[in-house]
Amino acid sequence: MTNLEKLEKHVRGLTPEELRKFREWFAEFDARAWDEQIEADSKAGKLDALVSEARTERTAGSTREV
């Protein structure tokens, strides 16, 4: 049995309260991991093309309010 399979089995056995707490913890964990990945990609220059495109569109006046 893989670690993932063990984890899935364990999560299925959680009480509703434990599952609620796990969801909260995982949402924070996942958001933090996402932020770290975006920061690493930015530092590595992987987002430079998107930034350049956005700046070009803003200068050209082709952006819109979100």
N, C-alpha and C. Protein backbone atom coordinates (compact mmCIF):
# COMPACT_ATOMS: atom_id res chain seq x y z
N MET A 1 0.85 -1.17 0.00
CA MET A 1 0.00 0.00 0.00
C MET A 1 0.90 1.24 0.00
N THR A 2 0.61 2.18 -0.90
CA THR A 2 1.41 3.40 -0.99
C THR A 2 1.06 4.36 0.14
N ASN A 3 1.92 5.33 0.35
CA ASN A 3 1.64 6.35 1.36
C ASN A 3 0.32 7.07 1.06
N LEU A 4 0.08 7.35 -0.21
CA LEU A 4 -1.15 8.02 -0.59
C LEU A 4 -2.37 7.16 -0.25
N GLU A 5 -2.29 5.89 -0.55
CA GLU A 5 -3.40 4.99 -0.23
C GLU A 5 -3.63 4.92 1.28
N LYS A 6 -2.55 4.90 2.04
CA LYS A 6 -2.67 4.90 3.51
C LYS A 6 -3.34 6.18 3.99
N LEU A 7 -2.92 7.29 3.42
CA LEU A 7 -3.49 8.58 3.80
C LEU A 7 -4.98 8.64 3.46
N GLU A 8 -5.32 8.20 2.25
CA GLU A 8 -6.72 8.19 1.84
C GLU A 8 -7.56 7.35 2.81
N LYS A 9 -7.04 6.20 3.18
CA LYS A 9 -7.76 5.32 4.10
C LYS A 9 -7.93 6.01 5.46
N HIS A 10 -6.90 6.65 5.92
CA HIS A 10 -6.96 7.33 7.20
C HIS A 10 -7.97 8.48 7.17
N VAL A 11 -7.94 9.27 6.08
CA VAL A 11 -8.85 10.41 5.96
C VAL A 11 -10.30 9.92 5.95
N ARG A 12 -10.55 8.82 5.27
CA ARG A 12 -11.90 8.26 5.25
C ARG A 12 -12.40 7.89 6.65
N GLY A 13 -11.48 7.60 7.56
CA GLY A 13 -11.85 7.20 8.91
C GLY A 13 -11.99 8.34 9.89
N LEU A 14 -11.76 9.57 9.44
CA LEU A 14 -11.86 10.71 10.35
C LEU A 14 -13.31 10.99 10.73
N THR A 15 -13.48 11.51 11.94
CA THR A 15 -14.80 11.94 12.36
C THR A 15 -15.13 13.24 11.60
N PRO A 16 -16.40 13.64 11.57
CA PRO A 16 -16.73 14.90 10.90
C PRO A 16 -15.94 16.09 11.45
N GLU A 17 -15.75 16.15 12.75
CA GLU A 17 -14.98 17.25 13.35
C GLU A 17 -13.51 17.17 12.93
N GLU A 18 -12.94 15.99 12.94
CA GLU A 18 -11.55 15.81 12.51
C GLU A 18 -11.40 16.18 11.04
N LEU A 19 -12.38 15.80 10.23
CA LEU A 19 -12.34 16.12 8.80
C LEU A 19 -12.42 17.63 8.58
N ARG A 20 -13.25 18.31 9.36
CA ARG A 20 -13.36 19.77 9.26
C ARG A 20 -12.01 20.41 9.58
N LYS A 21 -11.37 19.96 10.65
CA LYS A 21 -10.07 20.51 11.04
C LYS A 21 -9.01 20.19 9.99
N PHE A 22 -9.07 18.99 9.44
CA PHE A 22 -8.12 18.60 8.39
C PHE A 22 -8.29 19.49 7.16
N ARG A 23 -9.54 19.74 6.77
CA ARG A 23 -9.80 20.62 5.62
C ARG A 23 -9.20 22.00 5.84
N GLU A 24 -9.42 22.56 7.03
CA GLU A 24 -8.87 23.88 7.35
C GLU A 24 -7.35 23.86 7.27
N TRP A 25 -6.75 22.85 7.88
CA TRP A 25 -5.30 22.74 7.86
C TRP A 25 -4.80 22.60 6.42
N PHE A 26 -5.46 21.72 5.64
CA PHE A 26 -4.98 21.47 4.29
C PHE A 26 -5.15 22.71 3.41
N ALA A 27 -6.22 23.44 3.57
CA ALA A 27 -6.42 24.66 2.78
C ALA A 27 -5.28 25.65 3.04
N GLU A 28 -4.90 25.81 4.30
CA GLU A 28 -3.78 26.70 4.63
C GLU A 28 -2.47 26.16 4.09
N PHE A 29 -2.25 24.87 4.23
CA PHE A 29 -1.04 24.22 3.73
C PHE A 29 -0.92 24.39 2.22
N ASP A 30 -2.02 24.15 1.51
CA ASP A 30 -2.03 24.23 0.06
C ASP A 30 -1.81 25.66 -0.41
N ALA A 31 -2.44 26.63 0.26
CA ALA A 31 -2.25 28.04 -0.11
C ALA A 31 -0.81 28.47 0.10
N ARG A 32 -0.21 28.03 1.19
CA ARG A 32 1.18 28.38 1.47
C ARG A 32 2.10 27.76 0.42
N ALA A 33 1.84 26.51 0.04
CA ALA A 33 2.65 25.85 -0.99
C ALA A 33 2.52 26.58 -2.33
N TRP A 34 1.29 27.00 -2.65
CA TRP A 34 1.05 27.74 -3.90
C TRP A 34 1.82 29.05 -3.88
N ASP A 35 1.74 29.79 -2.79
CA ASP A 35 2.47 31.06 -2.67
C ASP A 35 3.97 30.85 -2.83
N GLU A 36 4.50 29.81 -2.22
CA GLU A 36 5.93 29.53 -2.33
C GLU A 36 6.32 29.19 -3.77
N GLN A 37 5.46 28.45 -4.48
CA GLN A 37 5.74 28.09 -5.86
C GLN A 37 5.72 29.32 -6.76
N ILE A 38 4.73 30.19 -6.56
CA ILE A 38 4.65 31.42 -7.35
C ILE A 38 5.88 32.29 -7.10
N GLU A 39 6.28 32.41 -5.84
CA GLU A 39 7.47 33.20 -5.51
C GLU A 39 8.72 32.62 -6.16
N ALA A 40 8.87 31.30 -6.11
CA ALA A 40 10.03 30.65 -6.73
C ALA A 40 10.01 30.85 -8.24
N ASP A 41 8.84 30.71 -8.86
CA ASP A 41 8.74 30.90 -10.31
C ASP A 41 9.07 32.34 -10.68
N SER A 42 8.61 33.28 -9.87
CA SER A 42 8.88 34.69 -10.13
C SER A 42 10.39 34.97 -10.05
N LYS A 43 11.01 34.48 -8.99
CA LYS A 43 12.46 34.69 -8.83
C LYS A 43 13.26 34.05 -9.95
N ALA A 44 12.74 32.94 -10.50
CA ALA A 44 13.43 32.23 -11.57
C ALA A 44 13.15 32.84 -12.94
N GLY A 45 12.30 33.87 -12.98
CA GLY A 45 12.01 34.53 -14.25
C GLY A 45 10.94 33.85 -15.07
N LYS A 46 10.28 32.85 -14.52
CA LYS A 46 9.28 32.10 -15.28
C LYS A 46 8.02 32.90 -15.56
N LEU A 47 7.83 34.01 -14.84
CA LEU A 47 6.64 34.83 -15.04
C LEU A 47 6.94 36.11 -15.82
N ASP A 48 8.17 36.29 -16.22
CA ASP A 48 8.58 37.52 -16.89
C ASP A 48 7.78 37.80 -18.15
N ALA A 49 7.49 36.78 -18.94
CA ALA A 49 6.73 36.98 -20.18
C ALA A 49 5.32 37.47 -19.87
N LEU A 50 4.70 36.92 -18.83
CA LEU A 50 3.36 37.36 -18.46
C LEU A 50 3.36 38.80 -17.95
N VAL A 51 4.37 39.15 -17.17
CA VAL A 51 4.50 40.52 -16.66
C VAL A 51 4.69 41.48 -17.83
N SER A 52 5.53 41.12 -18.75
CA SER A 52 5.79 41.97 -19.91
C SER A 52 4.52 42.16 -20.74
N GLU A 53 3.78 41.08 -20.94
CA GLU A 53 2.53 41.16 -21.70
C GLU A 53 1.52 42.08 -20.99
N ALA A 54 1.41 41.93 -19.69
CA ALA A 54 0.48 42.77 -18.93
C ALA A 54 0.87 44.24 -19.01
N ARG A 55 2.15 44.52 -18.91
CA ARG A 55 2.61 45.92 -19.00
C ARG A 55 2.34 46.50 -20.38
N THR A 56 2.56 45.70 -21.41
CA THR A 56 2.30 46.14 -22.78
C THR A 56 0.82 46.45 -22.96
N GLU A 57 -0.04 45.59 -22.47
CA GLU A 57 -1.48 45.81 -22.58
C GLU A 57 -1.92 47.04 -21.79
N ARG A 58 -1.33 47.26 -20.63
CA ARG A 58 -1.69 48.43 -19.82
C ARG A 58 -1.26 49.71 -20.53
N THR A 59 -0.06 49.70 -21.07
CA THR A 59 0.44 50.87 -21.78
C THR A 59 -0.43 51.17 -23.00
N ALA A 60 -0.90 50.13 -23.66
CA ALA A 60 -1.72 50.28 -24.85
C ALA A 60 -3.17 50.64 -24.49
N GLY A 61 -3.49 50.58 -23.20
CA GLY A 61 -4.85 50.91 -22.78
C GLY A 61 -5.86 49.81 -23.05
N SER A 62 -5.37 48.59 -23.22
CA SER A 62 -6.29 47.50 -23.57
C SER A 62 -6.63 46.61 -22.37
N THR A 63 -6.41 47.14 -21.16
CA THR A 63 -6.80 46.40 -19.97
C THR A 63 -8.20 46.83 -19.55
N ARG A 64 -8.79 46.03 -18.65
CA ARG A 64 -10.13 46.37 -18.17
C ARG A 64 -10.20 46.10 -16.67
N GLU A 65 -11.12 46.74 -16.01
CA GLU A 65 -11.32 46.55 -14.57
C GLU A 65 -11.79 45.13 -14.33
N VAL A 66 -11.34 44.58 -13.22
CA VAL A 66 -11.77 43.23 -12.85
C VAL A 66 -12.82 43.33 -11.76
